[in-house]
């Protein structure tokens, strides 16, 4: 079983990210269990979403404490939320960065960075970096195929053709930037 921990602020799409990734894994006949964890329940508060994935049913229902992968949607949380604390040796991190982002040196962790908010602004017209990071996650980890992520994103925004098209493009740009 592999575990993913997503760091964001409430309203940045962490729950949506975990749900889309879980759906993409489902298309590949894998099992996925996605769930959120909130502190203060208010817009902008730091929060996490988690995802477990496996080839067999997942019975564990606790938070993820030692992730194989982390996704950081909001780089301002890197230090305050100790994003790299307790990651497994050999872990991979997909991190949205800004010009001022300071990344820690973490031995045994491969860190993939990309200007996800800028890409989202260019493609979607809003700073929602989550779909950009889904594409980056697919490429960086190899756990899920790009086509499965695109199918899940398309399904999530079904009925909103412009939003769907822009988010599909954002996923592709994230994939290309890794």
Protein backbone atom coordinates (compact mmCIF):
# COMPACT_ATOMS: atom_id res chain seq x y z
CA UNK A 1 0.00 0.00 0.00
CA UNK A 2 1.16 3.52 -0.84
CA UNK A 3 0.07 6.63 1.03
CA UNK A 4 -0.28 10.24 -0.13
CA UNK A 5 -0.57 13.34 2.06
CA UNK A 6 -1.79 16.57 0.48
CA UNK A 7 -1.08 19.93 2.09
CA UNK A 8 -3.26 22.94 1.29
CA UNK A 9 -5.47 25.61 2.74
CA UNK A 10 -9.21 25.09 2.87
CA UNK A 11 -10.63 26.16 -0.47
CA UNK A 12 -7.55 25.28 -2.57
CA UNK A 13 -8.88 21.94 -3.76
CA UNK A 14 -7.07 19.36 -1.63
CA UNK A 15 -10.19 17.24 -1.18
CA UNK A 16 -10.95 17.51 -4.89
CA UNK A 17 -7.36 16.50 -5.66
CA UNK A 18 -7.60 13.36 -3.52
CA UNK A 19 -11.02 12.47 -4.95
CA UNK A 20 -9.92 12.90 -8.57
CA UNK A 21 -6.76 10.90 -7.95
CA UNK A 22 -8.82 8.15 -6.30
CA UNK A 23 -11.18 8.05 -9.27
CA UNK A 24 -8.25 7.89 -11.71
CA UNK A 25 -6.86 4.91 -9.80
CA UNK A 26 -10.28 3.25 -9.92
CA UNK A 27 -10.16 3.45 -13.72
CA UNK A 28 -6.96 1.40 -13.51
CA UNK A 29 -8.65 -1.27 -11.37
CA UNK A 30 -6.76 -0.16 -8.25
CA UNK A 31 -8.22 0.45 -4.84
CA UNK A 32 -8.14 3.95 -3.39
CA UNK A 33 -9.36 5.51 -0.16
CA UNK A 34 -9.41 9.33 -0.02
CA UNK A 35 -10.41 11.46 2.96
CA UNK A 36 -9.79 14.95 4.43
CA UNK A 37 -8.63 16.23 7.81
CA UNK A 38 -9.57 19.71 8.97
CA UNK A 39 -8.29 21.81 11.80
CA UNK A 40 -10.26 25.03 12.11
CA UNK A 41 -13.14 24.73 9.65
CA UNK A 42 -12.73 28.04 7.86
CA UNK A 43 -11.64 29.14 4.41
CA UNK A 44 -7.87 29.53 4.27
CA UNK A 45 -7.11 27.36 7.30
CA UNK A 46 -4.34 24.77 6.82
CA UNK A 47 -5.74 21.31 6.12
CA UNK A 48 -4.77 17.94 4.72
CA UNK A 49 -6.29 15.40 2.43
CA UNK A 50 -5.05 11.85 2.34
CA UNK A 51 -5.13 9.02 -0.15
CA UNK A 52 -4.21 5.38 0.14
CA UNK A 53 -3.79 3.24 -2.95
CA UNK A 54 -3.23 -0.46 -3.42
CA UNK A 55 -3.87 -3.46 -5.63
CA UNK A 56 -6.09 -4.95 -2.92
CA UNK A 57 -8.87 -3.55 -0.68
CA UNK A 58 -7.80 -0.97 1.87
CA UNK A 59 -9.02 -1.45 5.43
CA UNK A 60 -6.88 1.10 7.30
CA UNK A 61 -8.86 4.19 8.30
CA UNK A 62 -6.34 6.34 10.19
CA UNK A 63 -4.61 9.49 9.02
CA UNK A 64 -1.44 9.12 6.98
CA UNK A 65 1.57 9.65 9.22
CA UNK A 66 4.47 8.41 7.07
CA UNK A 67 3.59 9.13 3.44
CA UNK A 68 5.23 7.67 0.37
CA UNK A 69 4.21 10.80 -1.52
CA UNK A 70 3.35 14.35 -0.59
CA UNK A 71 1.65 17.02 -2.67
CA UNK A 72 2.03 20.60 -1.52
CA UNK A 73 -0.59 22.86 -3.09
CA UNK A 74 0.29 25.89 -0.97
CA UNK A 75 4.04 26.42 -0.55
CA UNK A 76 3.52 28.78 2.42
CA UNK A 77 2.73 25.65 4.45
CA UNK A 78 6.08 23.91 3.90
CA UNK A 79 7.59 25.10 7.15
CA UNK A 80 4.56 25.81 9.34
CA UNK A 81 2.94 22.43 8.64
CA UNK A 82 6.24 20.49 8.56
CA UNK A 83 5.33 19.01 5.20
CA UNK A 84 8.49 16.90 4.97
CA UNK A 85 8.30 15.56 8.52
CA UNK A 86 8.04 11.75 8.71
CA UNK A 87 8.04 11.13 4.96
CA UNK A 88 9.38 7.68 4.13
CA UNK A 89 12.87 7.27 2.78
CA UNK A 90 12.54 7.12 -0.99
CA UNK A 91 9.44 9.32 -0.91
CA UNK A 92 8.56 11.70 -3.71
CA UNK A 93 7.17 15.20 -3.25
CA UNK A 94 5.30 17.29 -5.81
CA UNK A 95 5.44 20.91 -4.71
CA UNK A 96 3.89 24.06 -6.11
CA UNK A 97 6.50 26.80 -5.80
CA UNK A 98 6.66 30.55 -6.06
CA UNK A 99 9.77 32.67 -6.58
CA UNK A 100 10.18 33.11 -2.82
CA UNK A 101 9.66 29.44 -1.91
CA UNK A 102 12.40 27.99 0.30
CA UNK A 103 12.61 24.22 0.11
CA UNK A 104 14.22 22.22 2.87
CA UNK A 105 17.01 19.77 2.14
CA UNK A 106 15.48 16.38 2.81
CA UNK A 107 17.70 13.35 2.47
CA UNK A 108 16.11 10.41 0.70
CA UNK A 109 13.22 12.43 -0.78
CA UNK A 110 12.97 13.33 -4.47
CA UNK A 111 11.32 16.74 -4.77
CA UNK A 112 9.61 17.83 -7.99
CA UNK A 113 8.78 21.52 -8.17
CA UNK A 114 6.75 23.53 -10.61
CA UNK A 115 5.09 26.96 -10.69
CA UNK A 116 1.62 25.40 -10.49
CA UNK A 117 -0.25 28.58 -9.53
CA UNK A 118 1.29 30.47 -12.46
CA UNK A 119 0.42 27.63 -14.84
CA UNK A 120 -3.13 27.59 -13.46
CA UNK A 121 -3.45 31.36 -13.92
CA UNK A 122 -2.19 31.09 -17.51
CA UNK A 123 -4.47 28.16 -18.41
CA UNK A 124 -7.52 28.41 -16.14
CA UNK A 125 -7.42 32.11 -15.28
CA UNK A 126 -7.56 31.34 -11.54
CA UNK A 127 -4.80 30.29 -9.11
CA UNK A 128 -6.16 26.77 -8.48
CA UNK A 129 -2.98 24.71 -8.71
CA UNK A 130 -4.54 21.37 -7.80
CA UNK A 131 -5.26 20.04 -11.29
CA UNK A 132 -1.81 21.14 -12.45
CA UNK A 133 -0.33 19.13 -9.58
CA UNK A 134 -2.40 16.06 -10.51
CA UNK A 135 -0.61 15.93 -13.85
CA UNK A 136 2.74 16.45 -12.14
CA UNK A 137 1.93 13.66 -9.65
CA UNK A 138 1.14 11.24 -12.47
CA UNK A 139 4.48 11.92 -14.16
CA UNK A 140 6.62 12.09 -11.01
CA UNK A 141 5.32 8.95 -9.35
CA UNK A 142 4.20 6.68 -12.17
CA UNK A 143 1.41 5.44 -9.86
CA UNK A 144 -1.35 6.50 -12.25
CA UNK A 145 -1.52 7.03 -16.00
CA UNK A 146 -2.07 10.50 -17.44
CA UNK A 147 -5.08 9.23 -19.43
CA UNK A 148 -6.77 8.04 -16.21
CA UNK A 149 -6.24 11.43 -14.57
CA UNK A 150 -7.61 13.21 -17.65
CA UNK A 151 -10.68 10.96 -17.63
CA UNK A 152 -11.30 11.65 -13.93
CA UNK A 153 -10.84 15.42 -14.36
CA UNK A 154 -13.19 15.39 -17.35
CA UNK A 155 -15.79 13.57 -15.28
CA UNK A 156 -15.40 15.96 -12.35
CA UNK A 157 -16.18 18.99 -14.52
CA UNK A 158 -18.77 17.33 -16.77
CA UNK A 159 -21.52 19.76 -17.70
CA UNK A 160 -19.12 22.73 -17.59
CA UNK A 161 -17.32 22.43 -20.95
CA UNK A 162 -15.07 25.49 -20.59
CA UNK A 163 -14.02 24.60 -17.05
CA UNK A 164 -13.51 20.99 -18.09
CA UNK A 165 -11.35 21.95 -21.07
CA UNK A 166 -9.19 24.33 -19.04
CA UNK A 167 -8.63 21.84 -16.23
CA UNK A 168 -7.74 19.06 -18.68
CA UNK A 169 -5.19 21.43 -20.21
CA UNK A 170 -3.87 22.29 -16.72
CA UNK A 171 -3.30 18.59 -15.98
CA UNK A 172 -1.39 18.21 -19.24
CA UNK A 173 0.78 21.27 -18.46
CA UNK A 174 1.57 19.88 -15.01
CA UNK A 175 2.58 16.56 -16.56
CA UNK A 176 4.82 18.32 -19.09
CA UNK A 177 6.52 20.44 -16.41
CA UNK A 178 7.97 17.49 -14.50
